[in-house]
PDB file of N, CA and C in Angstrom:
ATOM      1  N   MET A   1       0.918  -1.027   0.116  1.00  0.00           N
ATOM      2  CA  MET A   1      -0.010   0.008  -0.008  1.00  0.00           C
ATOM      3  C   MET A   1       0.843   1.248   0.128  1.00  0.00           C
ATOM      4  N   ILE A   2       0.601   2.112  -0.845  1.00  0.00           N
ATOM      5  CA  ILE A   2       1.255   3.495  -0.809  1.00  0.00           C
ATOM      6  C   ILE A   2       0.219   4.512  -0.372  1.00  0.00           C
ATOM      7  N   SER A   3       0.702   5.371   0.541  1.00  0.00           N
ATOM      8  CA  SER A   3      -0.108   6.422   0.888  1.00  0.00           C
ATOM      9  C   SER A   3       0.772   7.785   0.371  1.00  0.00           C
ATOM     10  N   LEU A   4       0.102   8.683  -0.358  1.00  0.00           N
ATOM     11  CA  LEU A   4       0.659  10.043  -0.848  1.00  0.00           C
ATOM     12  C   LEU A   4       1.005  10.802   0.280  1.00  0.00           C
ATOM     13  N   ALA A   5       1.813  11.767   0.260  1.00  0.00           N
ATOM     14  CA  ALA A   5       2.050  12.887   1.087  1.00  0.00           C
ATOM     15  C   ALA A   5       0.676  13.624   1.203  1.00  0.00           C
ATOM     16  N   GLY A   6       0.486  13.991   2.493  1.00  0.00           N
ATOM     17  CA  GLY A   6      -0.781  14.777   2.851  1.00  0.00           C
ATOM     18  C   GLY A   6      -1.885  13.626   3.230  1.00  0.00           C
ATOM     19  N   SER A   7      -1.727  12.457   2.927  1.00  0.00           N
ATOM     20  CA  SER A   7      -2.788  11.599   3.509  1.00  0.00           C
ATOM     21  C   SER A   7      -2.388  10.969   4.890  1.00  0.00           C
ATOM     22  N   VAL A   8      -3.413  10.351   5.555  1.00  0.00           N
ATOM     23  CA  VAL A   8      -3.087  10.135   6.815  1.00  0.00           C
ATOM     24  C   VAL A   8      -2.048   9.054   6.931  1.00  0.00           C
ATOM     25  N   HIS A   9      -1.144   8.905   7.723  1.00  0.00           N
ATOM     26  CA  HIS A   9      -0.106   7.913   8.000  1.00  0.00           C
ATOM     27  C   HIS A   9      -0.534   6.707   8.372  1.00  0.00           C
ATOM     28  N   PRO A  10      -0.323   5.589   7.561  1.00  0.00           N
ATOM     29  CA  PRO A  10      -0.685   4.210   7.815  1.00  0.00           C
ATOM     30  C   PRO A  10      -0.552   3.729   9.214  1.00  0.00           C
ATOM     31  N   SER A  11       0.259   4.206   9.944  1.00  0.00           N
ATOM     32  CA  SER A  11       0.241   3.762  11.443  1.00  0.00           C
ATOM     33  C   SER A  11      -0.699   4.674  12.447  1.00  0.00           C
ATOM     34  N   ASN A  12      -1.289   5.546  11.641  1.00  0.00           N
ATOM     35  CA  ASN A  12      -2.490   6.321  12.576  1.00  0.00           C
ATOM     36  C   ASN A  12      -3.387   5.063  13.322  1.00  0.00           C
ATOM     37  N   PRO A  13      -3.469   5.278  14.445  1.00  0.00           N
ATOM     38  CA  PRO A  13      -4.509   4.328  15.197  1.00  0.00           C
ATOM     39  C   PRO A  13      -5.838   3.962  14.604  1.00  0.00           C
ATOM     40  N   LYS A  14      -6.341   5.122  13.946  1.00  0.00           N
ATOM     41  CA  LYS A  14      -7.559   4.792  13.389  1.00  0.00           C
ATOM     42  C   LYS A  14      -7.483   4.013  11.956  1.00  0.00           C
ATOM     43  N   ALA A  15      -6.334   4.374  11.275  1.00  0.00           N
ATOM     44  CA  ALA A  15      -5.953   3.749  10.003  1.00  0.00           C
ATOM     45  C   ALA A  15      -5.837   2.183  10.358  1.00  0.00           C
ATOM     46  N   VAL A  16      -4.927   1.904  11.345  1.00  0.00           N
ATOM     47  CA  VAL A  16      -4.451   0.601  11.824  1.00  0.00           C
ATOM     48  C   VAL A  16      -5.984  -0.216  12.190  1.00  0.00           C
ATOM     49  N   ARG A  17      -6.780   0.552  12.861  1.00  0.00           N
ATOM     50  CA  ARG A  17      -8.060  -0.107  13.378  1.00  0.00           C
ATOM     51  C   ARG A  17      -9.021  -0.567  12.142  1.00  0.00           C
ATOM     52  N   ALA A  18      -9.101   0.406  11.171  1.00  0.00           N
ATOM     53  CA  ALA A  18      -9.728   0.193  10.017  1.00  0.00           C
ATOM     54  C   ALA A  18      -9.241  -0.989   9.132  1.00  0.00           C
ATOM     55  N   SER A  19      -8.087  -0.947   9.172  1.00  0.00           N
ATOM     56  CA  SER A  19      -7.554  -2.185   8.274  1.00  0.00           C
ATOM     57  C   SER A  19      -7.739  -3.536   9.013  1.00  0.00           C
ATOM     58  N   ALA A  20      -8.240  -3.640   9.955  1.00  0.00           N
ATOM     59  CA  ALA A  20      -8.413  -4.811  10.788  1.00  0.00           C
ATOM     60  C   ALA A  20      -7.022  -5.563  10.885  1.00  0.00           C
ATOM     61  N   GLY A  21      -6.077  -5.181  10.811  1.00  0.00           N
ATOM     62  CA  GLY A  21      -4.758  -5.823  11.148  1.00  0.00           C
ATOM     63  C   GLY A  21      -4.081  -6.044   9.848  1.00  0.00           C
ATOM     64  N   SER A  22      -4.699  -5.822   8.706  1.00  0.00           N
ATOM     65  CA  SER A  22      -4.008  -6.054   7.426  1.00  0.00           C
ATOM     66  C   SER A  22      -2.634  -5.044   7.008  1.00  0.00           C
ATOM     67  N   ILE A  23      -2.684  -4.158   7.671  1.00  0.00           N
ATOM     68  CA  ILE A  23      -1.560  -3.092   7.688  1.00  0.00           C
ATOM     69  C   ILE A  23      -0.282  -3.880   8.054  1.00  0.00           C
ATOM     70  N   PHE A  24      -0.619  -4.783   8.933  1.00  0.00           N
ATOM     71  CA  PHE A  24       0.784  -5.544   9.423  1.00  0.00           C
ATOM     72  C   PHE A  24       1.122  -6.521   8.539  1.00  0.00           C
ATOM     73  N   ARG A  25       0.315  -7.019   7.545  1.00  0.00           N
ATOM     74  CA  ARG A  25       0.644  -8.004   6.670  1.00  0.00           C
ATOM     75  C   ARG A  25       1.003  -7.629   5.295  1.00  0.00           C
ATOM     76  N   ILE A  26       1.094  -6.180   5.069  1.00  0.00           N
ATOM     77  CA  ILE A  26       1.315  -5.817   3.591  1.00  0.00           C
ATOM     78  C   ILE A  26       2.320  -4.791   3.756  1.00  0.00           C
ATOM     79  N   PRO A  27       3.182  -4.722   2.721  1.00  0.00           N
ATOM     80  CA  PRO A  27       4.157  -3.515   2.800  1.00  0.00           C
ATOM     81  C   PRO A  27       3.452  -2.259   2.502  1.00  0.00           C
ATOM     82  N   THR A  28       3.989  -1.243   3.282  1.00  0.00           N
ATOM     83  CA  THR A  28       3.565   0.037   3.123  1.00  0.00           C
ATOM     84  C   THR A  28       4.766   1.166   2.930  1.00  0.00           C
ATOM     85  N   LEU A  29       4.375   2.041   2.176  1.00  0.00           N
ATOM     86  CA  LEU A  29       5.274   3.203   1.839  1.00  0.00           C
ATOM     87  C   LEU A  29       4.319   4.570   2.086  1.00  0.00           C
ATOM     88  N   PRO A  30       4.591   5.116   3.366  1.00  0.00           N
ATOM     89  CA  PRO A  30       4.106   6.310   3.489  1.00  0.00           C
ATOM     90  C   PRO A  30       4.686   7.646   2.971  1.00  0.00           C
ATOM     91  N   GLU A  31       3.753   8.589   2.730  1.00  0.00           N
ATOM     92  CA  GLU A  31       4.183   9.852   2.206  1.00  0.00           C
ATOM     93  C   GLU A  31       5.098   9.793   1.134  1.00  0.00           C
ATOM     94  N   VAL A  32       4.698   9.252  -0.072  1.00  0.00           N
ATOM     95  CA  VAL A  32       5.402   9.195  -1.290  1.00  0.00           C
ATOM     96  C   VAL A  32       4.668  10.176  -2.291  1.00  0.00           C
ATOM     97  N   ASP A  33       5.403  10.909  -3.032  1.00  0.00           N
ATOM     98  CA  ASP A  33       4.818  11.702  -4.079  1.00  0.00           C
ATOM     99  C   ASP A  33       4.446  11.105  -5.377  1.00  0.00           C
ATOM    100  N   PRO A  34       3.394  11.745  -5.881  1.00  0.00           N
ATOM    101  CA  PRO A  34       2.759  10.988  -7.161  1.00  0.00           C
ATOM    102  C   PRO A  34       3.641  10.781  -8.229  1.00  0.00           C
ATOM    103  N   ILE A  35       4.857  11.650  -8.520  1.00  0.00           N
ATOM    104  CA  ILE A  35       5.726  11.519  -9.485  1.00  0.00           C
ATOM    105  C   ILE A  35       6.362  10.036  -9.371  1.00  0.00           C
ATOM    106  N   THR A  36       6.835   9.997  -8.149  1.00  0.00           N
ATOM    107  CA  THR A  36       7.481   8.673  -7.583  1.00  0.00           C
ATOM    108  C   THR A  36       6.746   7.508  -7.944  1.00  0.00           C
ATOM    109  N   VAL A  37       5.558   7.475  -7.549  1.00  0.00           N
ATOM    110  CA  VAL A  37       4.641   6.403  -7.705  1.00  0.00           C
ATOM    111  C   VAL A  37       4.541   6.116  -9.384  1.00  0.00           C
ATOM    112  N   THR A  38       4.186   7.161  -9.983  1.00  0.00           N
ATOM    113  CA  THR A  38       4.094   6.954 -11.374  1.00  0.00           C
ATOM    114  C   THR A  38       5.444   6.341 -12.323  1.00  0.00           C
ATOM    115  N   ARG A  39       6.616   6.898 -11.853  1.00  0.00           N
ATOM    116  CA  ARG A  39       7.603   6.363 -12.313  1.00  0.00           C
ATOM    117  C   ARG A  39       8.008   4.750 -11.877  1.00  0.00           C
ATOM    118  N   ALA A  40       7.785   4.583 -10.525  1.00  0.00           N
ATOM    119  CA  ALA A  40       7.735   3.030 -10.365  1.00  0.00           C
ATOM    120  C   ALA A  40       6.732   2.250 -11.087  1.00  0.00           C
ATOM    121  N   ALA A  41       5.661   2.845 -11.325  1.00  0.00           N
ATOM    122  CA  ALA A  41       4.594   1.945 -12.087  1.00  0.00           C
ATOM    123  C   ALA A  41       5.111   1.721 -13.369  1.00  0.00           C
ATOM    124  N   ALA A  42       5.778   2.495 -14.072  1.00  0.00           N
ATOM    125  CA  ALA A  42       6.431   2.416 -15.246  1.00  0.00           C
ATOM    126  C   ALA A  42       7.606   1.480 -15.518  1.00  0.00           C
ATOM    127  N   VAL A  43       8.446   1.696 -14.532  1.00  0.00           N
ATOM    128  CA  VAL A  43       9.620   0.806 -14.311  1.00  0.00           C
ATOM    129  C   VAL A  43       9.173  -0.766 -14.192  1.00  0.00           C
ATOM    130  N   HIS A  44       8.067  -0.857 -13.427  1.00  0.00           N
ATOM    131  CA  HIS A  44       7.553  -2.261 -13.273  1.00  0.00           C
ATOM    132  C   HIS A  44       6.500  -2.611 -14.285  1.00  0.00           C
ATOM    133  N   LYS A  45       6.065  -1.994 -15.224  1.00  0.00           N
ATOM    134  CA  LYS A  45       5.246  -2.175 -16.282  1.00  0.00           C
ATOM    135  C   LYS A  45       3.842  -2.535 -15.729  1.00  0.00           C
ATOM    136  N   LEU A  46       3.496  -1.697 -14.750  1.00  0.00           N
ATOM    137  CA  LEU A  46       2.142  -1.705 -14.260  1.00  0.00           C
ATOM    138  C   LEU A  46       1.090  -0.685 -14.898  1.00  0.00           C
ATOM    139  N   ARG A  47      -0.027  -1.321 -15.178  1.00  0.00           N
ATOM    140  CA  ARG A  47      -0.986  -0.577 -15.681  1.00  0.00           C
ATOM    141  C   ARG A  47      -1.567   0.368 -14.625  1.00  0.00           C
ATOM    142  N   VAL A  48      -1.855   1.578 -14.706  1.00  0.00           N
ATOM    143  CA  VAL A  48      -2.173   2.445 -13.724  1.00  0.00           C
ATOM    144  C   VAL A  48      -3.788   2.950 -13.787  1.00  0.00           C
ATOM    145  N   PHE A  49      -4.623   2.743 -12.865  1.00  0.00           N
ATOM    146  CA  PHE A  49      -6.040   2.863 -12.984  1.00  0.00           C
ATOM    147  C   PHE A  49      -6.501   3.915 -11.980  1.00  0.00           C
ATOM    148  N   THR A  50      -7.133   4.989 -12.223  1.00  0.00           N
ATOM    149  CA  THR A  50      -7.597   5.893 -11.135  1.00  0.00           C
ATOM    150  C   THR A  50      -9.137   5.805 -11.015  1.00  0.00           C
ATOM    151  N   ALA A  51      -9.649   5.770  -9.879  1.00  0.00           N
ATOM    152  CA  ALA A  51     -10.965   5.470  -9.580  1.00  0.00           C
ATOM    153  C   ALA A  51     -11.733   7.047  -9.606  1.00  0.00           C
ATOM    154  N   THR A  52     -12.721   7.222 -10.402  1.00  0.00           N
ATOM    155  CA  THR A  52     -13.487   8.447 -10.466  1.00  0.00           C
ATOM    156  C   THR A  52     -14.877   8.137 -10.413  1.00  0.00           C
ATOM    157  N   PRO A  53     -15.640   9.132  -9.752  1.00  0.00           N
ATOM    158  CA  PRO A  53     -17.289   8.929  -9.678  1.00  0.00           C
ATOM    159  C   PRO A  53     -17.907   9.317 -10.908  1.00  0.00           C
ATOM    160  N   ASP A  54     -17.273  10.083 -11.930  1.00  0.00           N
ATOM    161  CA  ASP A  54     -18.096  10.573 -12.989  1.00  0.00           C
ATOM    162  C   ASP A  54     -17.426  10.019 -14.442  1.00  0.00           C
ATOM    163  N   GLU A  55     -16.275  10.061 -14.595  1.00  0.00           N
ATOM    164  CA  GLU A  55     -15.683   9.679 -15.848  1.00  0.00           C
ATOM    165  C   GLU A  55     -14.901   8.304 -15.998  1.00  0.00           C
ATOM    166  N   GLY A  56     -14.730   8.012 -17.041  1.00  0.00           N
ATOM    167  CA  GLY A  56     -14.099   6.648 -17.345  1.00  0.00           C
ATOM    168  C   GLY A  56     -14.827   5.465 -17.770  1.00  0.00           C
ATOM    169  N   ILE A  57     -14.116   4.340 -17.808  1.00  0.00           N
ATOM    170  CA  ILE A  57     -14.692   3.148 -18.211  1.00  0.00           C
ATOM    171  C   ILE A  57     -15.440   2.156 -17.095  1.00  0.00           C
ATOM    172  N   PRO A  58     -16.123   1.497 -17.300  1.00  0.00           N
ATOM    173  CA  PRO A  58     -16.735   0.493 -16.121  1.00  0.00           C
ATOM    174  C   PRO A  58     -15.693  -0.483 -15.617  1.00  0.00           C
ATOM    175  N   PRO A  59     -15.545  -0.872 -14.472  1.00  0.00           N
ATOM    176  CA  PRO A  59     -14.613  -1.844 -14.047  1.00  0.00           C
ATOM    177  C   PRO A  59     -14.433  -3.245 -14.869  1.00  0.00           C
ATOM    178  N   ARG A  60     -15.576  -3.541 -15.285  1.00  0.00           N
ATOM    179  CA  ARG A  60     -15.437  -4.770 -16.308  1.00  0.00           C
ATOM    180  C   ARG A  60     -14.739  -4.374 -17.513  1.00  0.00           C
ATOM    181  N   GLN A  61     -14.504  -3.356 -17.916  1.00  0.00           N
ATOM    182  CA  GLN A  61     -13.975  -2.851 -19.195  1.00  0.00           C
ATOM    183  C   GLN A  61     -12.417  -2.499 -18.880  1.00  0.00           C
ATOM    184  N   ALA A  62     -11.964  -2.544 -17.721  1.00  0.00           N
ATOM    185  CA  ALA A  62     -10.666  -2.264 -17.408  1.00  0.00           C
ATOM    186  C   ALA A  62      -9.804  -3.460 -17.448  1.00  0.00           C
ATOM    187  N   LYS A  63      -8.703  -3.414 -17.999  1.00  0.00           N
ATOM    188  CA  LYS A  63      -7.892  -4.475 -18.330  1.00  0.00           C
ATOM    189  C   LYS A  63      -6.879  -4.818 -16.898  1.00  0.00           C
ATOM    190  N   MET A  64      -7.540  -5.450 -15.921  1.00  0.00           N
ATOM    191  CA  MET A  64      -6.759  -5.628 -14.574  1.00  0.00           C
ATOM    192  C   MET A  64      -6.412  -7.053 -14.351  1.00  0.00           C
ATOM    193  N   ASP A  65      -6.282  -7.807 -15.620  1.00  0.00           N
ATOM    194  CA  ASP A  65      -5.918  -9.184 -15.550  1.00  0.00           C
ATOM    195  C   ASP A  65      -4.318  -9.545 -15.059  1.00  0.00           C
ATOM    196  N   SER A  66      -3.595  -8.497 -15.193  1.00  0.00           N
ATOM    197  CA  SER A  66      -2.151  -8.739 -14.896  1.00  0.00           C
ATOM    198  C   SER A  66      -1.797  -7.563 -13.954  1.00  0.00           C
ATOM    199  N   GLY A  67      -0.493  -7.194 -13.662  1.00  0.00           N
ATOM    200  CA  GLY A  67       0.056  -6.330 -12.937  1.00  0.00           C
ATOM    201  C   GLY A  67      -0.468  -4.911 -13.187  1.00  0.00           C
ATOM    202  N   CYS A  68      -0.994  -4.178 -11.909  1.00  0.00           N
ATOM    203  CA  CYS A  68      -1.710  -3.126 -12.112  1.00  0.00           C
ATOM    204  C   CYS A  68      -1.590  -2.236 -10.838  1.00  0.00           C
ATOM    205  N   MET A  69      -1.876  -1.123 -10.919  1.00  0.00           N
ATOM    206  CA  MET A  69      -1.994  -0.111  -9.732  1.00  0.00           C
ATOM    207  C   MET A  69      -3.258   0.402  -9.783  1.00  0.00           C
ATOM    208  N   ILE A  70      -4.014   0.496  -8.521  1.00  0.00           N
ATOM    209  CA  ILE A  70      -5.288   1.209  -8.678  1.00  0.00           C
ATOM    210  C   ILE A  70      -5.038   2.381  -7.607  1.00  0.00           C
ATOM    211  N   VAL A  71      -5.485   3.539  -8.209  1.00  0.00           N
ATOM    212  CA  VAL A  71      -5.279   4.797  -7.385  1.00  0.00           C
ATOM    213  C   VAL A  71      -6.705   5.126  -7.036  1.00  0.00           C
ATOM    214  N   LEU A  72      -6.702   5.416  -5.380  1.00  0.00           N
ATOM    215  CA  LEU A  72      -7.953   5.955  -4.900  1.00  0.00           C
ATOM    216  C   LEU A  72      -7.644   7.332  -4.108  1.00  0.00           C
ATOM    217  N   GLY A  73      -8.607   8.098  -4.162  1.00  0.00           N
ATOM    218  CA  GLY A  73      -8.545   9.187  -3.351  1.00  0.00           C
ATOM    219  C   GLY A  73      -9.317   9.283  -2.296  1.00  0.00           C
ATOM    220  N   SER A  74      -9.527  10.492  -1.615  1.00  0.00           N
ATOM    221  CA  SER A  74     -10.515  10.423  -0.544  1.00  0.00           C
ATOM    222  C   SER A  74     -11.923  10.766  -0.941  1.00  0.00           C
ATOM    223  N   GLU A  75     -12.754  10.204  -0.106  1.00  0.00           N
ATOM    224  CA  GLU A  75     -14.177  10.641  -0.563  1.00  0.00           C
ATOM    225  C   GLU A  75     -14.528  12.015  -0.611  1.00  0.00           C
ATOM    226  N   GLY A  76     -13.988  13.035  -0.015  1.00  0.00           N
ATOM    227  CA  GLY A  76     -14.290  14.399   0.039  1.00  0.00           C
ATOM    228  C   GLY A  76     -13.587  14.905  -1.191  1.00  0.00           C
ATOM    229  N   ALA A  77     -12.169  14.701  -1.514  1.00  0.00           N
ATOM    230  CA  ALA A  77     -11.430  15.455  -2.248  1.00  0.00           C
ATOM    231  C   ALA A  77     -11.149  14.543  -3.745  1.00  0.00           C
ATOM    232  N   GLY A  78     -11.204  13.246  -3.677  1.00  0.00           N
ATOM    233  CA  GLY A  78     -10.925  12.424  -4.654  1.00  0.00           C
ATOM    234  C   GLY A  78      -9.422  12.621  -4.773  1.00  0.00           C
ATOM    235  N   ILE A  79      -9.140  12.413  -6.033  1.00  0.00           N
ATOM    236  CA  ILE A  79      -7.785  12.269  -6.567  1.00  0.00           C
ATOM    237  C   ILE A  79      -7.356  13.645  -7.063  1.00  0.00           C
ATOM    238  N   ARG A  80      -6.296  14.430  -6.210  1.00  0.00           N
ATOM    239  CA  ARG A  80      -6.011  15.782  -6.529  1.00  0.00           C
ATOM    240  C   ARG A  80      -4.948  15.834  -7.534  1.00  0.00           C
ATOM    241  N   SER A  81      -4.316  14.934  -7.744  1.00  0.00           N
ATOM    242  CA  SER A  81      -2.938  14.854  -8.832  1.00  0.00           C
ATOM    243  C   SER A  81      -3.543  14.322 -10.057  1.00  0.00           C
ATOM    244  N   THR A  82      -2.707  14.842 -11.203  1.00  0.00           N
ATOM    245  CA  THR A  82      -2.878  14.036 -12.589  1.00  0.00           C
ATOM    246  C   THR A  82      -1.722  13.062 -12.411  1.00  0.00           C
ATOM    247  N   TRP A  83      -2.565  12.040 -13.132  1.00  0.00           N
ATOM    248  CA  TRP A  83      -1.659  10.630 -13.263  1.00  0.00           C
ATOM    249  C   TRP A  83      -1.558  10.434 -14.937  1.00  0.00           C
ATOM    250  N   PRO A  84      -0.475  10.768 -15.239  1.00  0.00           N
ATOM    251  CA  PRO A  84      -0.205  10.582 -16.820  1.00  0.00           C
ATOM    252  C   PRO A  84      -0.230   9.145 -17.075  1.00  0.00           C
ATOM    253  N   GLY A  85      -1.075   8.834 -18.274  1.00  0.00           N
ATOM    254  CA  GLY A  85      -1.010   7.379 -18.590  1.00  0.00           C
ATOM    255  C   GLY A  85      -2.307   6.752 -17.865  1.00  0.00           C
ATOM    256  N   ALA A  86      -2.780   7.149 -16.881  1.00  0.00           N
ATOM    257  CA  ALA A  86      -3.725   6.443 -16.127  1.00  0.00           C
ATOM    258  C   ALA A  86      -4.946   6.333 -16.990  1.00  0.00           C
ATOM    259  N   VAL A  87      -5.594   5.061 -16.572  1.00  0.00           N
ATOM    260  CA  VAL A  87      -7.100   4.883 -17.241  1.00  0.00           C
ATOM    261  C   VAL A  87      -8.079   5.089 -16.168  1.00  0.00           C
ATOM    262  N   GLN A  88      -8.925   5.884 -16.398  1.00  0.00           N
ATOM    263  CA  GLN A  88     -10.093   6.225 -15.311  1.00  0.00           C
ATOM    264  C   GLN A  88     -11.036   5.105 -15.450  1.00  0.00           C
ATOM    265  N   VAL A  89     -11.337   4.715 -14.263  1.00  0.00           N
ATOM    266  CA  VAL A  89     -12.406   3.895 -13.985  1.00  0.00           C
ATOM    267  C   VAL A  89     -13.448   4.392 -13.158  1.00  0.00           C
ATOM    268  N   ARG A  90     -14.775   4.223 -13.710  1.00  0.00           N
ATOM    269  CA  ARG A  90     -16.076   4.732 -13.018  1.00  0.00           C
ATOM    270  C   ARG A  90     -16.645   3.669 -12.351  1.00  0.00           C
ATOM    271  N   ILE A  91     -16.915   3.813 -11.136  1.00  0.00           N
ATOM    272  CA  ILE A  91     -17.853   2.950 -10.481  1.00  0.00           C
ATOM    273  C   ILE A  91     -19.288   3.495 -10.592  1.00  0.00           C
ATOM    274  N   PRO A  92     -20.204   2.979 -11.246  1.00  0.00           N
ATOM    275  CA  PRO A  92     -21.572   3.672 -11.487  1.00  0.00           C
ATOM    276  C   PRO A  92     -22.281   3.487 -10.205  1.00  0.00           C
ATOM    277  N   THR A  93     -22.669   4.590  -9.631  1.00  0.00           N
ATOM    278  CA  THR A  93     -23.725   4.801  -8.465  1.00  0.00           C
ATOM    279  C   THR A  93     -25.121   5.506  -8.846  1.00  0.00           C
ATOM    280  N   THR A  94     -25.869   5.158  -7.929  1.00  0.00           N
ATOM    281  CA  THR A  94     -27.241   5.777  -8.252  1.00  0.00           C
ATOM    282  C   THR A  94     -27.596   6.285  -6.734  1.00  0.00           C
ATOM    283  N   ARG A  95     -28.129   7.504  -6.769  1.00  0.00           N
ATOM    284  CA  ARG A  95     -28.535   7.853  -5.361  1.00  0.00           C
ATOM    285  C   ARG A  95     -27.800   8.353  -4.386  1.00  0.00           C
ATOM    286  N   VAL A  96     -26.219   8.111  -4.633  1.00  0.00           N
ATOM    287  CA  VAL A  96     -25.183   8.670  -3.803  1.00  0.00           C
ATOM    288  C   VAL A  96     -24.200   9.349  -4.589  1.00  0.00           C
ATOM    289  N   GLU A  97     -23.389  10.261  -3.992  1.00  0.00           N
ATOM    290  CA  GLU A  97     -22.547  11.189  -4.657  1.00  0.00           C
ATOM    291  C   GLU A  97     -21.336  10.374  -4.852  1.00  0.00           C
ATOM    292  N   SER A  98     -20.814   9.900  -3.721  1.00  0.00           N
ATOM    293  CA  SER A  98     -19.598   8.908  -3.832  1.00  0.00           C
ATOM    294  C   SER A  98     -19.628   7.818  -3.137  1.00  0.00           C
ATOM    295  N   LEU A  99     -18.587   6.895  -3.060  1.00  0.00           N
ATOM    296  CA  LEU A  99     -18.504   5.648  -2.297  1.00  0.00           C
ATOM    297  C   LEU A  99     -17.231   5.976  -1.178  1.00  0.00           C
ATOM    298  N   ASN A 100     -17.483   5.453  -0.179  1.00  0.00           N
ATOM    299  CA  ASN A 100     -16.233   5.348   0.984  1.00  0.00           C
ATOM    300  C   ASN A 100     -15.132   4.675   0.014  1.00  0.00           C
ATOM    301  N   VAL A 101     -13.945   5.051   0.243  1.00  0.00           N
ATOM    302  CA  VAL A 101     -12.775   4.653  -0.273  1.00  0.00           C
ATOM    303  C   VAL A 101     -12.613   3.025  -0.166  1.00  0.00           C
ATOM    304  N   ALA A 102     -12.948   2.433   1.049  1.00  0.00           N
ATOM    305  CA  ALA A 102     -12.872   0.932   1.259  1.00  0.00           C
ATOM    306  C   ALA A 102     -13.816   0.274   0.259  1.00  0.00           C
ATOM    307  N   VAL A 103     -15.041   0.904   0.131  1.00  0.00           N
ATOM    308  CA  VAL A 103     -15.934   0.115  -0.600  1.00  0.00           C
ATOM    309  C   VAL A 103     -15.587   0.173  -2.250  1.00  0.00           C
ATOM    310  N   ALA A 104     -15.079   1.407  -2.551  1.00  0.00           N
ATOM    311  CA  ALA A 104     -14.323   1.512  -4.070  1.00  0.00           C
ATOM    312  C   ALA A 104     -13.357   0.514  -4.351  1.00  0.00           C
ATOM    313  N   ALA A 105     -12.333   0.396  -3.297  1.00  0.00           N
ATOM    314  CA  ALA A 105     -11.230  -0.418  -3.352  1.00  0.00           C
ATOM    315  C   ALA A 105     -11.731  -1.938  -3.334  1.00  0.00           C
ATOM    316  N   GLY A 106     -12.780  -2.318  -2.596  1.00  0.00           N
ATOM    317  CA  GLY A 106     -13.224  -3.749  -2.704  1.00  0.00           C
ATOM    318  C   GLY A 106     -13.653  -4.024  -3.969  1.00  0.00           C
ATOM    319  N   ILE A 107     -14.649  -3.249  -4.417  1.00  0.00           N
ATOM    320  CA  ILE A 107     -15.229  -3.388  -5.889  1.00  0.00           C
ATOM    321  C   ILE A 107     -14.215  -3.584  -6.931  1.00  0.00           C
ATOM    322  N   LEU A 108     -12.948  -2.802  -6.940  1.00  0.00           N
ATOM    323  CA  LEU A 108     -11.961  -2.851  -8.079  1.00  0.00           C
ATOM    324  C   LEU A 108     -11.122  -3.896  -7.734  1.00  0.00           C
ATOM    325  N   LEU A 109     -10.890  -4.335  -6.476  1.00  0.00           N
ATOM    326  CA  LEU A 109     -10.166  -5.500  -6.119  1.00  0.00           C
ATOM    327  C   LEU A 109     -10.738  -6.609  -6.465  1.00  0.00           C
ATOM    328  N   TYR A 110     -12.116  -6.805  -6.268  1.00  0.00           N
ATOM    329  CA  TYR A 110     -12.938  -7.876  -6.568  1.00  0.00           C
ATOM    330  C   TYR A 110     -12.928  -8.108  -8.215  1.00  0.00           C
ATOM    331  N   GLU A 111     -13.201  -7.022  -8.852  1.00  0.00           N
ATOM    332  CA  GLU A 111     -12.970  -7.127 -10.275  1.00  0.00           C
ATOM    333  C   GLU A 111     -11.623  -7.669 -10.782  1.00  0.00           C
ATOM    334  N   ALA A 112     -10.501  -7.144 -10.252  1.00  0.00           N
ATOM    335  CA  ALA A 112      -9.216  -7.700 -10.748  1.00  0.00           C
ATOM    336  C   ALA A 112      -9.360  -9.339 -10.273  1.00  0.00           C
ATOM    337  N   ALA A 113      -9.642  -9.627  -9.210  1.00  0.00           N
ATOM    338  CA  ALA A 113      -9.464 -10.999  -8.747  1.00  0.00           C
ATOM    339  C   ALA A 113     -10.467 -11.853  -9.832  1.00  0.00           C
ATOM    340  N   ILE A 114     -11.537 -11.346 -10.378  1.00  0.00           N
ATOM    341  CA  ILE A 114     -12.394 -12.125 -11.171  1.00  0.00           C
ATOM    342  C   ILE A 114     -11.710 -12.277 -12.685  1.00  0.00           C
ATOM    343  N   GLN A 115     -11.002 -11.095 -13.015  1.00  0.00           N
ATOM    344  CA  GLN A 115     -10.415 -11.102 -14.250  1.00  0.00           C
ATOM    345  C   GLN A 115      -8.974 -11.922 -14.205  1.00  0.00           C
ATOM    346  N   ARG A 116      -8.594 -12.248 -13.061  1.00  0.00           N
ATOM    347  CA  ARG A 116      -7.040 -13.053 -12.934  1.00  0.00           C
ATOM    348  C   ARG A 116      -7.669 -14.519 -12.691  1.00  0.00           C
ATOM    349  N   GLY A 117      -8.961 -14.870 -12.775  1.00  0.00           N
ATOM    350  CA  GLY A 117      -9.346 -16.105 -12.525  1.00  0.00           C
ATOM    351  C   GLY A 117      -9.216 -16.701 -11.293  1.00  0.00           C
ATOM    352  N   ALA A 118      -9.146 -15.836 -10.221  1.00  0.00           N
ATOM    353  CA  ALA A 118      -9.035 -16.206  -8.779  1.00  0.00           C
ATOM    354  C   ALA A 118     -10.253 -17.458  -8.572  1.00  0.00           C
ATOM    355  N   GLY A 119      -9.725 -18.395  -7.902  1.00  0.00           N
ATOM    356  CA  GLY A 119     -10.371 -19.574  -7.561  1.00  0.00           C
ATOM    357  C   GLY A 119     -11.574 -19.190  -6.586  1.00  0.00           C
ATOM    358  N   GLY A 120     -12.724 -19.619  -6.890  1.00  0.00           N
ATOM    359  CA  GLY A 120     -13.782 -19.450  -6.123  1.00  0.00           C
ATOM    360  C   GLY A 120     -14.487 -18.005  -6.374  1.00  0.00           C
ATOM    361  N   VAL A 121     -13.941 -17.213  -7.274  1.00  0.00           N
ATOM    362  CA  VAL A 121     -14.531 -15.964  -7.519  1.00  0.00           C
ATOM    363  C   VAL A 121     -15.067 -15.920  -8.897  1.00  0.00           C
ATOM    364  N   GLY A 122     -16.104 -15.285  -9.136  1.00  0.00           N
ATOM    365  CA  GLY A 122     -16.678 -15.166 -10.319  1.00  0.00           C
ATOM    366  C   GLY A 122     -17.920 -16.225 -10.814  1.00  0.00           C
TER     367      GLY A 122
END
């Protein structure tokens, strides 16, 4: 997990509690700038997807069947930075303005698992 500069630190007690302990099982990089993240994605040949509420393709059309990076912003501010080369993915909603970031992450990670043929999913 990568958190950008200006985000809550992954070791914040509320973040640790919300992660239900997952924060201790995955590598984390706190306070990284978007340019560094974009360069790292290019070096590792990762497709970059940004989640947006209004524009972009539906998750089923996003090619998440191999290495990729999913960029999520806060519910209130969204993604503040531009992400060159990123594909915008829109999670369609009705009767709500936006989704909680954990819900959006869950939807996109589930779609990636389906596309990768995860056992028991799909």
